Amino acid sequence: MTKPEIAFEDFNKVDIRVGTIIEVADFPKAKKPAYQLTIDFGDLGIKKSSAQITQLYPKNELLNKQVLAIVNFKNKQIANFISECLVLGVENDKKEIVLLQASNPSIKKGEQVS
């Protein structure tokens, strides 16, 4: 199902940045299996996010991985955790979340995605 059409001006309000995961922790209080991620966005600083990516990504494989995230959402409380950004991913045919990530390692932390 397609969501309602939005204006380009609405899309321009979304701030998508490249960040590097620097810490991964289990999140036992989450309703669905998830990790608590700490992500370095360079000049923007460090932000935390909850991500339901446990099916495809062991914790040790996430460290130092570059990911794309929306950094200008309002904070959201998830159980006892405050999520400060939204890590982007897509659902595959098995209903698993696949991370969207930068494909070029020369992209710097905090760089804005156009």
PDB file of N, CA and C in Angstrom:
ATOM      1  N   MET A   1       0.841  -1.174   0.000  1.00  0.00           N
ATOM      2  CA  MET A   1       0.000   0.000   0.000  1.00  0.00           C
ATOM      3  C   MET A   1       0.889   1.242   0.000  1.00  0.00           C
ATOM      4  N   THR A   2       0.604   2.153  -0.889  1.00  0.00           N
ATOM      5  CA  THR A   2       1.342   3.396  -0.998  1.00  0.00           C
ATOM      6  C   THR A   2       0.786   4.416  -0.024  1.00  0.00           C
ATOM      7  N   LYS A   3       1.694   5.178   0.584  1.00  0.00           N
ATOM      8  CA  LYS A   3       1.277   6.232   1.514  1.00  0.00           C
ATOM      9  C   LYS A   3       0.860   7.466   0.724  1.00  0.00           C
ATOM     10  N   PRO A   4       0.174   8.413   1.392  1.00  0.00           N
ATOM     11  CA  PRO A   4      -0.281   9.613   0.685  1.00  0.00           C
ATOM     12  C   PRO A   4       0.882  10.407   0.086  1.00  0.00           C
ATOM     13  N   GLU A   5       0.617  11.051  -1.006  1.00  0.00           N
ATOM     14  CA  GLU A   5       1.607  11.883  -1.675  1.00  0.00           C
ATOM     15  C   GLU A   5       1.973  13.072  -0.792  1.00  0.00           C
ATOM     16  N   ILE A   6       3.254  13.433  -0.811  1.00  0.00           N
ATOM     17  CA  ILE A   6       3.699  14.617  -0.079  1.00  0.00           C
ATOM     18  C   ILE A   6       4.371  15.577  -1.058  1.00  0.00           C
ATOM     19  N   ALA A   7       4.466  16.816  -0.652  1.00  0.00           N
ATOM     20  CA  ALA A   7       5.132  17.823  -1.475  1.00  0.00           C
ATOM     21  C   ALA A   7       6.646  17.709  -1.286  1.00  0.00           C
ATOM     22  N   PHE A   8       7.389  18.127  -2.289  1.00  0.00           N
ATOM     23  CA  PHE A   8       8.848  18.104  -2.215  1.00  0.00           C
ATOM     24  C   PHE A   8       9.338  18.929  -1.027  1.00  0.00           C
ATOM     25  N   GLU A   9       8.630  19.988  -0.699  1.00  0.00           N
ATOM     26  CA  GLU A   9       8.993  20.833   0.445  1.00  0.00           C
ATOM     27  C   GLU A   9       8.939  20.027   1.747  1.00  0.00           C
ATOM     28  N   ASP A  10       7.981  19.103   1.846  1.00  0.00           N
ATOM     29  CA  ASP A  10       7.898  18.245   3.029  1.00  0.00           C
ATOM     30  C   ASP A  10       9.118  17.325   3.111  1.00  0.00           C
ATOM     31  N   PHE A  11       9.489  16.745   1.996  1.00  0.00           N
ATOM     32  CA  PHE A  11      10.654  15.857   1.966  1.00  0.00           C
ATOM     33  C   PHE A  11      11.921  16.630   2.330  1.00  0.00           C
ATOM     34  N   ASN A  12      12.019  17.870   1.884  1.00  0.00           N
ATOM     35  CA  ASN A  12      13.204  18.680   2.181  1.00  0.00           C
ATOM     36  C   ASN A  12      13.375  18.939   3.671  1.00  0.00           C
ATOM     37  N   LYS A  13      12.347  18.755   4.470  1.00  0.00           N
ATOM     38  CA  LYS A  13      12.451  18.945   5.914  1.00  0.00           C
ATOM     39  C   LYS A  13      13.159  17.776   6.595  1.00  0.00           C
ATOM     40  N   VAL A  14      13.249  16.638   5.916  1.00  0.00           N
ATOM     41  CA  VAL A  14      13.863  15.442   6.487  1.00  0.00           C
ATOM     42  C   VAL A  14      15.385  15.577   6.383  1.00  0.00           C
ATOM     43  N   ASP A  15      16.067  15.457   7.521  1.00  0.00           N
ATOM     44  CA  ASP A  15      17.525  15.563   7.571  1.00  0.00           C
ATOM     45  C   ASP A  15      18.117  14.164   7.723  1.00  0.00           C
ATOM     46  N   ILE A  16      18.592  13.614   6.607  1.00  0.00           N
ATOM     47  CA  ILE A  16      19.188  12.279   6.584  1.00  0.00           C
ATOM     48  C   ILE A  16      20.699  12.442   6.599  1.00  0.00           C
ATOM     49  N   ARG A  17      21.344  11.767   7.550  1.00  0.00           N
ATOM     50  CA  ARG A  17      22.791  11.867   7.702  1.00  0.00           C
ATOM     51  C   ARG A  17      23.430  10.485   7.760  1.00  0.00           C
ATOM     52  N   VAL A  18      24.718  10.459   7.457  1.00  0.00           N
ATOM     53  CA  VAL A  18      25.520   9.249   7.585  1.00  0.00           C
ATOM     54  C   VAL A  18      26.130   9.241   8.978  1.00  0.00           C
ATOM     55  N   GLY A  19      25.990   8.117   9.660  1.00  0.00           N
ATOM     56  CA  GLY A  19      26.597   7.970  10.978  1.00  0.00           C
ATOM     57  C   GLY A  19      27.300   6.634  11.085  1.00  0.00           C
ATOM     58  N   THR A  20      28.194   6.537  12.062  1.00  0.00           N
ATOM     59  CA  THR A  20      28.930   5.306  12.292  1.00  0.00           C
ATOM     60  C   THR A  20      28.525   4.739  13.647  1.00  0.00           C
ATOM     61  N   ILE A  21      28.113   3.486  13.650  1.00  0.00           N
ATOM     62  CA  ILE A  21      27.713   2.830  14.901  1.00  0.00           C
ATOM     63  C   ILE A  21      28.959   2.590  15.744  1.00  0.00           C
ATOM     64  N   ILE A  22      28.937   3.120  16.974  1.00  0.00           N
ATOM     65  CA  ILE A  22      30.100   2.972  17.849  1.00  0.00           C
ATOM     66  C   ILE A  22      29.813   2.093  19.068  1.00  0.00           C
ATOM     67  N   GLU A  23      28.536   1.782  19.288  1.00  0.00           N
ATOM     68  CA  GLU A  23      28.176   0.926  20.414  1.00  0.00           C
ATOM     69  C   GLU A  23      26.859   0.219  20.103  1.00  0.00           C
ATOM     70  N   VAL A  24      26.777  -1.051  20.499  1.00  0.00           N
ATOM     71  CA  VAL A  24      25.561  -1.851  20.297  1.00  0.00           C
ATOM     72  C   VAL A  24      25.262  -2.593  21.592  1.00  0.00           C
ATOM     73  N   ALA A  25      24.016  -2.478  22.053  1.00  0.00           N
ATOM     74  CA  ALA A  25      23.608  -3.178  23.277  1.00  0.00           C
ATOM     75  C   ALA A  25      22.279  -3.875  23.041  1.00  0.00           C
ATOM     76  N   ASP A  26      22.076  -4.994  23.734  1.00  0.00           N
ATOM     77  CA  ASP A  26      20.780  -5.661  23.700  1.00  0.00           C
ATOM     78  C   ASP A  26      19.733  -4.740  24.318  1.00  0.00           C
ATOM     79  N   PHE A  27      18.485  -4.929  23.911  1.00  0.00           N
ATOM     80  CA  PHE A  27      17.384  -4.107  24.426  1.00  0.00           C
ATOM     81  C   PHE A  27      16.268  -5.037  24.894  1.00  0.00           C
ATOM     82  N   PRO A  28      16.453  -5.680  26.048  1.00  0.00           N
ATOM     83  CA  PRO A  28      15.495  -6.691  26.506  1.00  0.00           C
ATOM     84  C   PRO A  28      14.102  -6.138  26.807  1.00  0.00           C
ATOM     85  N   LYS A  29      13.954  -4.847  27.081  1.00  0.00           N
ATOM     86  CA  LYS A  29      12.650  -4.288  27.418  1.00  0.00           C
ATOM     87  C   LYS A  29      11.835  -3.887  26.179  1.00  0.00           C
ATOM     88  N   ALA A  30      12.419  -3.971  24.996  1.00  0.00           N
ATOM     89  CA  ALA A  30      11.686  -3.645  23.771  1.00  0.00           C
ATOM     90  C   ALA A  30      10.615  -4.704  23.518  1.00  0.00           C
ATOM     91  N   LYS A  31       9.467  -4.273  22.953  1.00  0.00           N
ATOM     92  CA  LYS A  31       8.379  -5.222  22.663  1.00  0.00           C
ATOM     93  C   LYS A  31       8.793  -6.220  21.588  1.00  0.00           C
ATOM     94  N   LYS A  32       9.477  -5.730  20.565  1.00  0.00           N
ATOM     95  CA  LYS A  32      10.010  -6.594  19.503  1.00  0.00           C
ATOM     96  C   LYS A  32      11.527  -6.606  19.644  1.00  0.00           C
ATOM     97  N   PRO A  33      12.179  -7.706  19.256  1.00  0.00           N
ATOM     98  CA  PRO A  33      13.636  -7.775  19.412  1.00  0.00           C
ATOM     99  C   PRO A  33      14.321  -6.573  18.746  1.00  0.00           C
ATOM    100  N   ALA A  34      15.210  -5.924  19.511  1.00  0.00           N
ATOM    101  CA  ALA A  34      15.881  -4.718  19.025  1.00  0.00           C
ATOM    102  C   ALA A  34      17.221  -4.547  19.731  1.00  0.00           C
ATOM    103  N   TYR A  35      18.038  -3.673  19.143  1.00  0.00           N
ATOM    104  CA  TYR A  35      19.284  -3.244  19.767  1.00  0.00           C
ATOM    105  C   TYR A  35      19.163  -1.777  20.139  1.00  0.00           C
ATOM    106  N   GLN A  36      19.953  -1.375  21.107  1.00  0.00           N
ATOM    107  CA  GLN A  36      20.164   0.035  21.395  1.00  0.00           C
ATOM    108  C   GLN A  36      21.486   0.403  20.727  1.00  0.00           C
ATOM    109  N   LEU A  37      21.426   1.344  19.781  1.00  0.00           N
ATOM    110  CA  LEU A  37      22.614   1.752  19.045  1.00  0.00           C
ATOM    111  C   LEU A  37      23.078   3.122  19.502  1.00  0.00           C
ATOM    112  N   THR A  38      24.374   3.306  19.565  1.00  0.00           N
ATOM    113  CA  THR A  38      24.982   4.616  19.768  1.00  0.00           C
ATOM    114  C   THR A  38      25.700   4.930  18.466  1.00  0.00           C
ATOM    115  N   ILE A  39      25.359   6.082  17.873  1.00  0.00           N
ATOM    116  CA  ILE A  39      25.829   6.412  16.531  1.00  0.00           C
ATOM    117  C   ILE A  39      26.547   7.754  16.551  1.00  0.00           C
ATOM    118  N   ASP A  40      27.730   7.785  15.945  1.00  0.00           N
ATOM    119  CA  ASP A  40      28.531   9.006  15.848  1.00  0.00           C
ATOM    120  C   ASP A  40      28.220   9.695  14.524  1.00  0.00           C
ATOM    121  N   PHE A  41      27.708  10.926  14.624  1.00  0.00           N
ATOM    122  CA  PHE A  41      27.394  11.721  13.438  1.00  0.00           C
ATOM    123  C   PHE A  41      28.390  12.863  13.239  1.00  0.00           C
ATOM    124  N   GLY A  42      29.609  12.686  13.679  1.00  0.00           N
ATOM    125  CA  GLY A  42      30.646  13.699  13.483  1.00  0.00           C
ATOM    126  C   GLY A  42      30.297  14.987  14.198  1.00  0.00           C
ATOM    127  N   ASP A  43      30.266  16.095  13.451  1.00  0.00           N
ATOM    128  CA  ASP A  43      30.002  17.416  14.034  1.00  0.00           C
ATOM    129  C   ASP A  43      28.634  17.510  14.701  1.00  0.00           C
ATOM    130  N   LEU A  44      27.680  16.656  14.309  1.00  0.00           N
ATOM    131  CA  LEU A  44      26.357  16.661  14.938  1.00  0.00           C
ATOM    132  C   LEU A  44      26.370  15.994  16.307  1.00  0.00           C
ATOM    133  N   GLY A  45      27.414  15.234  16.582  1.00  0.00           N
ATOM    134  CA  GLY A  45      27.533  14.573  17.877  1.00  0.00           C
ATOM    135  C   GLY A  45      27.058  13.136  17.861  1.00  0.00           C
ATOM    136  N   ILE A  46      26.879  12.616  19.053  1.00  0.00           N
ATOM    137  CA  ILE A  46      26.490  11.223  19.270  1.00  0.00           C
ATOM    138  C   ILE A  46      24.980  11.172  19.522  1.00  0.00           C
ATOM    139  N   LYS A  47      24.299  10.242  18.853  1.00  0.00           N
ATOM    140  CA  LYS A  47      22.865  10.055  19.066  1.00  0.00           C
ATOM    141  C   LYS A  47      22.598   8.580  19.309  1.00  0.00           C
ATOM    142  N   LYS A  48      21.501   8.306  19.996  1.00  0.00           N
ATOM    143  CA  LYS A  48      21.101   6.930  20.299  1.00  0.00           C
ATOM    144  C   LYS A  48      19.836   6.577  19.520  1.00  0.00           C
ATOM    145  N   SER A  49      19.714   5.299  19.192  1.00  0.00           N
ATOM    146  CA  SER A  49      18.537   4.840  18.458  1.00  0.00           C
ATOM    147  C   SER A  49      18.239   3.397  18.820  1.00  0.00           C
ATOM    148  N   SER A  50      16.959   3.067  18.816  1.00  0.00           N
ATOM    149  CA  SER A  50      16.529   1.684  18.951  1.00  0.00           C
ATOM    150  C   SER A  50      16.281   1.164  17.534  1.00  0.00           C
ATOM    151  N   ALA A  51      16.784  -0.029  17.244  1.00  0.00           N
ATOM    152  CA  ALA A  51      16.625  -0.565  15.898  1.00  0.00           C
ATOM    153  C   ALA A  51      16.273  -2.052  15.950  1.00  0.00           C
ATOM    154  N   GLN A  52      15.209  -2.415  15.236  1.00  0.00           N
ATOM    155  CA  GLN A  52      14.750  -3.802  15.177  1.00  0.00           C
ATOM    156  C   GLN A  52      15.479  -4.531  14.050  1.00  0.00           C
ATOM    157  N   ILE A  53      16.769  -4.744  14.248  1.00  0.00           N
ATOM    158  CA  ILE A  53      17.608  -5.333  13.204  1.00  0.00           C
ATOM    159  C   ILE A  53      18.333  -6.587  13.688  1.00  0.00           C
ATOM    160  N   THR A  54      17.806  -7.212  14.730  1.00  0.00           N
ATOM    161  CA  THR A  54      18.491  -8.351  15.341  1.00  0.00           C
ATOM    162  C   THR A  54      18.486  -9.604  14.473  1.00  0.00           C
ATOM    163  N   GLN A  55      17.520  -9.727  13.569  1.00  0.00           N
ATOM    164  CA  GLN A  55      17.421 -10.952  12.764  1.00  0.00           C
ATOM    165  C   GLN A  55      18.585 -11.101  11.785  1.00  0.00           C
ATOM    166  N   LEU A  56      19.042 -10.006  11.199  1.00  0.00           N
ATOM    167  CA  LEU A  56      20.073 -10.090  10.165  1.00  0.00           C
ATOM    168  C   LEU A  56      21.453  -9.631  10.611  1.00  0.00           C
ATOM    169  N   TYR A  57      21.531  -8.949  11.759  1.00  0.00           N
ATOM    170  CA  TYR A  57      22.791  -8.316  12.141  1.00  0.00           C
ATOM    171  C   TYR A  57      23.223  -8.697  13.557  1.00  0.00           C
ATOM    172  N   PRO A  58      24.250  -9.544  13.674  1.00  0.00           N
ATOM    173  CA  PRO A  58      24.824  -9.794  15.000  1.00  0.00           C
ATOM    174  C   PRO A  58      25.486  -8.503  15.510  1.00  0.00           C
ATOM    175  N   LYS A  59      25.506  -8.332  16.809  1.00  0.00           N
ATOM    176  CA  LYS A  59      26.051  -7.096  17.398  1.00  0.00           C
ATOM    177  C   LYS A  59      27.461  -6.792  16.909  1.00  0.00           C
ATOM    178  N   ASN A  60      28.324  -7.791  16.863  1.00  0.00           N
ATOM    179  CA  ASN A  60      29.720  -7.540  16.487  1.00  0.00           C
ATOM    180  C   ASN A  60      29.866  -7.063  15.040  1.00  0.00           C
ATOM    181  N   GLU A  61      28.927  -7.393  14.164  1.00  0.00           N
ATOM    182  CA  GLU A  61      28.995  -6.940  12.767  1.00  0.00           C
ATOM    183  C   GLU A  61      28.508  -5.501  12.596  1.00  0.00           C
ATOM    184  N   LEU A  62      27.834  -4.972  13.603  1.00  0.00           N
ATOM    185  CA  LEU A  62      27.310  -3.609  13.505  1.00  0.00           C
ATOM    186  C   LEU A  62      28.329  -2.551  13.913  1.00  0.00           C
ATOM    187  N   LEU A  63      29.282  -2.921  14.746  1.00  0.00           N
ATOM    188  CA  LEU A  63      30.275  -1.945  15.183  1.00  0.00           C
ATOM    189  C   LEU A  63      31.043  -1.378  13.992  1.00  0.00           C
ATOM    190  N   ASN A  64      31.149  -0.059  13.941  1.00  0.00           N
ATOM    191  CA  ASN A  64      31.852   0.694  12.897  1.00  0.00           C
ATOM    192  C   ASN A  64      31.150   0.666  11.543  1.00  0.00           C
ATOM    193  N   LYS A  65      29.933   0.154  11.485  1.00  0.00           N
ATOM    194  CA  LYS A  65      29.164   0.155  10.238  1.00  0.00           C
ATOM    195  C   LYS A  65      28.558   1.540  10.032  1.00  0.00           C
ATOM    196  N   GLN A  66      28.635   2.035   8.808  1.00  0.00           N
ATOM    197  CA  GLN A  66      27.983   3.293   8.473  1.00  0.00           C
ATOM    198  C   GLN A  66      26.521   3.025   8.147  1.00  0.00           C
ATOM    199  N   VAL A  67      25.655   3.872   8.675  1.00  0.00           N
ATOM    200  CA  VAL A  67      24.217   3.751   8.433  1.00  0.00           C
ATOM    201  C   VAL A  67      23.653   5.117   8.070  1.00  0.00           C
ATOM    202  N   LEU A  68      22.465   5.095   7.492  1.00  0.00           N
ATOM    203  CA  LEU A  68      21.735   6.329   7.218  1.00  0.00           C
ATOM    204  C   LEU A  68      20.664   6.481   8.286  1.00  0.00           C
ATOM    205  N   ALA A  69      20.476   7.712   8.754  1.00  0.00           N
ATOM    206  CA  ALA A  69      19.483   7.951   9.791  1.00  0.00           C
ATOM    207  C   ALA A  69      18.877   9.337   9.638  1.00  0.00           C
ATOM    208  N   ILE A  70      17.627   9.442  10.026  1.00  0.00           N
ATOM    209  CA  ILE A  70      16.968  10.749  10.101  1.00  0.00           C
ATOM    210  C   ILE A  70      17.302  11.311  11.480  1.00  0.00           C
ATOM    211  N   VAL A  71      17.923  12.501  11.483  1.00  0.00           N
ATOM    212  CA  VAL A  71      18.414  13.054  12.747  1.00  0.00           C
ATOM    213  C   VAL A  71      17.557  14.192  13.283  1.00  0.00           C
ATOM    214  N   ASN A  72      16.506  14.575  12.550  1.00  0.00           N
ATOM    215  CA  ASN A  72      15.699  15.700  13.035  1.00  0.00           C
ATOM    216  C   ASN A  72      14.279  15.305  13.441  1.00  0.00           C
ATOM    217  N   PHE A  73      14.079  14.042  13.807  1.00  0.00           N
ATOM    218  CA  PHE A  73      12.822  13.638  14.440  1.00  0.00           C
ATOM    219  C   PHE A  73      12.852  14.059  15.902  1.00  0.00           C
ATOM    220  N   LYS A  74      11.678  14.249  16.485  1.00  0.00           N
ATOM    221  CA  LYS A  74      11.605  14.464  17.921  1.00  0.00           C
ATOM    222  C   LYS A  74      12.006  13.168  18.609  1.00  0.00           C
ATOM    223  N   ASN A  75      12.612  13.288  19.789  1.00  0.00           N
ATOM    224  CA  ASN A  75      12.971  12.099  20.567  1.00  0.00           C
ATOM    225  C   ASN A  75      11.728  11.258  20.837  1.00  0.00           C
ATOM    226  N   LYS A  76      11.934   9.937  20.884  1.00  0.00           N
ATOM    227  CA  LYS A  76      10.820   9.030  21.138  1.00  0.00           C
ATOM    228  C   LYS A  76      11.220   8.051  22.236  1.00  0.00           C
ATOM    229  N   GLN A  77      10.350   7.935  23.248  1.00  0.00           N
ATOM    230  CA  GLN A  77      10.619   6.981  24.311  1.00  0.00           C
ATOM    231  C   GLN A  77      10.110   5.611  23.896  1.00  0.00           C
ATOM    232  N   ILE A  78      11.008   4.637  23.991  1.00  0.00           N
ATOM    233  CA  ILE A  78      10.681   3.247  23.694  1.00  0.00           C
ATOM    234  C   ILE A  78      11.070   2.457  24.941  1.00  0.00           C
ATOM    235  N   ALA A  79      10.075   1.976  25.662  1.00  0.00           N
ATOM    236  CA  ALA A  79      10.289   1.333  26.979  1.00  0.00           C
ATOM    237  C   ALA A  79      11.056   2.315  27.861  1.00  0.00           C
ATOM    238  N   ASN A  80      12.224   1.920  28.349  1.00  0.00           N
ATOM    239  CA  ASN A  80      13.007   2.778  29.243  1.00  0.00           C
ATOM    240  C   ASN A  80      14.136   3.509  28.511  1.00  0.00           C
ATOM    241  N   PHE A  81      14.018   3.667  27.202  1.00  0.00           N
ATOM    242  CA  PHE A  81      15.093   4.188  26.352  1.00  0.00           C
ATOM    243  C   PHE A  81      14.572   5.356  25.521  1.00  0.00           C
ATOM    244  N   ILE A  82      15.391   6.391  25.355  1.00  0.00           N
ATOM    245  CA  ILE A  82      15.034   7.523  24.499  1.00  0.00           C
ATOM    246  C   ILE A  82      15.774   7.380  23.170  1.00  0.00           C
ATOM    247  N   SER A  83      15.023   7.255  22.089  1.00  0.00           N
ATOM    248  CA  SER A  83      15.593   7.166  20.751  1.00  0.00           C
ATOM    249  C   SER A  83      15.669   8.575  20.177  1.00  0.00           C
ATOM    250  N   GLU A  84      16.868   8.977  19.743  1.00  0.00           N
ATOM    251  CA  GLU A  84      17.111  10.346  19.293  1.00  0.00           C
ATOM    252  C   GLU A  84      17.190  10.493  17.781  1.00  0.00           C
ATOM    253  N   CYS A  85      17.175   9.389  17.064  1.00  0.00           N
ATOM    254  CA  CYS A  85      17.209   9.427  15.601  1.00  0.00           C
ATOM    255  C   CYS A  85      16.567   8.146  15.084  1.00  0.00           C
ATOM    256  N   LEU A  86      16.278   8.110  13.791  1.00  0.00           N
ATOM    257  CA  LEU A  86      15.655   6.930  13.186  1.00  0.00           C
ATOM    258  C   LEU A  86      16.606   6.340  12.153  1.00  0.00           C
ATOM    259  N   VAL A  87      17.135   5.158  12.455  1.00  0.00           N
ATOM    260  CA  VAL A  87      18.001   4.451  11.518  1.00  0.00           C
ATOM    261  C   VAL A  87      17.124   3.912  10.398  1.00  0.00           C
ATOM    262  N   LEU A  88      17.565   4.083   9.160  1.00  0.00           N
ATOM    263  CA  LEU A  88      16.744   3.715   8.011  1.00  0.00           C
ATOM    264  C   LEU A  88      17.029   2.298   7.530  1.00  0.00           C
ATOM    265  N   GLY A  89      15.955   1.600   7.215  1.00  0.00           N
ATOM    266  CA  GLY A  89      16.043   0.250   6.685  1.00  0.00           C
ATOM    267  C   GLY A  89      14.791  -0.070   5.890  1.00  0.00           C
ATOM    268  N   VAL A  90      14.842  -1.173   5.187  1.00  0.00           N
ATOM    269  CA  VAL A  90      13.685  -1.636   4.418  1.00  0.00           C
ATOM    270  C   VAL A  90      13.402  -3.080   4.796  1.00  0.00           C
ATOM    271  N   GLU A  91      12.149  -3.458   4.677  1.00  0.00           N
ATOM    272  CA  GLU A  91      11.734  -4.820   5.005  1.00  0.00           C
ATOM    273  C   GLU A  91      11.890  -5.701   3.773  1.00  0.00           C
ATOM    274  N   ASN A  92      12.553  -6.848   3.952  1.00  0.00           N
ATOM    275  CA  ASN A  92      12.677  -7.782   2.835  1.00  0.00           C
ATOM    276  C   ASN A  92      11.458  -8.707   2.797  1.00  0.00           C
ATOM    277  N   ASP A  93      11.460  -9.665   1.895  1.00  0.00           N
ATOM    278  CA  ASP A  93      10.303 -10.545   1.733  1.00  0.00           C
ATOM    279  C   ASP A  93      10.080 -11.481   2.921  1.00  0.00           C
ATOM    280  N   LYS A  94      11.078 -11.607   3.809  1.00  0.00           N
ATOM    281  CA  LYS A  94      10.935 -12.430   5.018  1.00  0.00           C
ATOM    282  C   LYS A  94      10.562 -11.571   6.230  1.00  0.00           C
ATOM    283  N   LYS A  95      10.209 -10.300   5.978  1.00  0.00           N
ATOM    284  CA  LYS A  95       9.823  -9.357   7.049  1.00  0.00           C
ATOM    285  C   LYS A  95      10.995  -9.007   7.969  1.00  0.00           C
ATOM    286  N   GLU A  96      12.236  -9.149   7.449  1.00  0.00           N
ATOM    287  CA  GLU A  96      13.434  -8.768   8.190  1.00  0.00           C
ATOM    288  C   GLU A  96      13.843  -7.359   7.752  1.00  0.00           C
ATOM    289  N   ILE A  97      14.402  -6.577   8.674  1.00  0.00           N
ATOM    290  CA  ILE A  97      14.825  -5.223   8.347  1.00  0.00           C
ATOM    291  C   ILE A  97      16.262  -5.247   7.833  1.00  0.00           C
ATOM    292  N   VAL A  98      16.447  -4.693   6.631  1.00  0.00           N
ATOM    293  CA  VAL A  98      17.760  -4.573   6.002  1.00  0.00           C
ATOM    294  C   VAL A  98      18.170  -3.104   6.089  1.00  0.00           C
ATOM    295  N   LEU A  99      19.328  -2.837   6.672  1.00  0.00           N
ATOM    296  CA  LEU A  99      19.790  -1.463   6.840  1.00  0.00           C
ATOM    297  C   LEU A  99      20.102  -0.799   5.515  1.00  0.00           C
ATOM    298  N   LEU A 100      19.753   0.478   5.413  1.00  0.00           N
ATOM    299  CA  LEU A 100      20.247   1.303   4.317  1.00  0.00           C
ATOM    300  C   LEU A 100      21.570   1.866   4.801  1.00  0.00           C
ATOM    301  N   GLN A 101      22.573   1.810   3.949  1.00  0.00           N
ATOM    302  CA  GLN A 101      23.886   2.274   4.384  1.00  0.00           C
ATOM    303  C   GLN A 101      24.644   2.919   3.246  1.00  0.00           C
ATOM    304  N   ALA A 102      25.630   3.719   3.601  1.00  0.00           N
ATOM    305  CA  ALA A 102      26.472   4.378   2.615  1.00  0.00           C
ATOM    306  C   ALA A 102      27.309   3.320   1.907  1.00  0.00           C
ATOM    307  N   SER A 103      27.434   3.436   0.604  1.00  0.00           N
ATOM    308  CA  SER A 103      28.197   2.441  -0.153  1.00  0.00           C
ATOM    309  C   SER A 103      29.628   2.889  -0.429  1.00  0.00           C
ATOM    310  N   ASN A 104      29.957   4.128  -0.062  1.00  0.00           N
ATOM    311  CA  ASN A 104      31.290   4.642  -0.307  1.00  0.00           C
ATOM    312  C   ASN A 104      31.935   5.003   1.025  1.00  0.00           C
ATOM    313  N   PRO A 105      33.012   4.315   1.400  1.00  0.00           N
ATOM    314  CA  PRO A 105      33.626   4.571   2.706  1.00  0.00           C
ATOM    315  C   PRO A 105      34.222   5.968   2.860  1.00  0.00           C
ATOM    316  N   SER A 106      34.345   6.726   1.776  1.00  0.00           N
ATOM    317  CA  SER A 106      34.909   8.070   1.875  1.00  0.00           C
ATOM    318  C   SER A 106      33.883   9.094   2.378  1.00  0.00           C
ATOM    319  N   ILE A 107      32.615   8.680   2.504  1.00  0.00           N
ATOM    320  CA  ILE A 107      31.595   9.583   3.028  1.00  0.00           C
ATOM    321  C   ILE A 107      31.872   9.785   4.510  1.00  0.00           C
ATOM    322  N   LYS A 108      31.903  11.044   4.923  1.00  0.00           N
ATOM    323  CA  LYS A 108      32.257  11.361   6.305  1.00  0.00           C
ATOM    324  C   LYS A 108      31.048  11.279   7.223  1.00  0.00           C
ATOM    325  N   LYS A 109      31.322  10.987   8.510  1.00  0.00           N
ATOM    326  CA  LYS A 109      30.268  10.977   9.522  1.00  0.00           C
ATOM    327  C   LYS A 109      29.573  12.321   9.547  1.00  0.00           C
ATOM    328  N   GLY A 110      28.275  12.292   9.640  1.00  0.00           N
ATOM    329  CA  GLY A 110      27.498  13.514   9.735  1.00  0.00           C
ATOM    330  C   GLY A 110      27.182  14.149   8.404  1.00  0.00           C
ATOM    331  N   GLU A 111      27.742  13.603   7.320  1.00  0.00           N
ATOM    332  CA  GLU A 111      27.471  14.178   6.010  1.00  0.00           C
ATOM    333  C   GLU A 111      26.002  14.042   5.666  1.00  0.00           C
ATOM    334  N   GLN A 112      25.456  15.104   5.131  1.00  0.00           N
ATOM    335  CA  GLN A 112      24.041  15.115   4.786  1.00  0.00           C
ATOM    336  C   GLN A 112      23.833  14.383   3.465  1.00  0.00           C
ATOM    337  N   VAL A 113      22.759  13.640   3.398  1.00  0.00           N
ATOM    338  CA  VAL A 113      22.394  12.908   2.186  1.00  0.00           C
ATOM    339  C   VAL A 113      21.442  13.779   1.391  1.00  0.00           C
ATOM    340  N   SER A 114      21.733  13.977   0.125  1.00  0.00           N
ATOM    341  CA  SER A 114      20.874  14.832  -0.714  1.00  0.00           C
ATOM    342  C   SER A 114      19.800  14.041  -1.390  1.00  0.00           C
TER     343      SER A 114
END
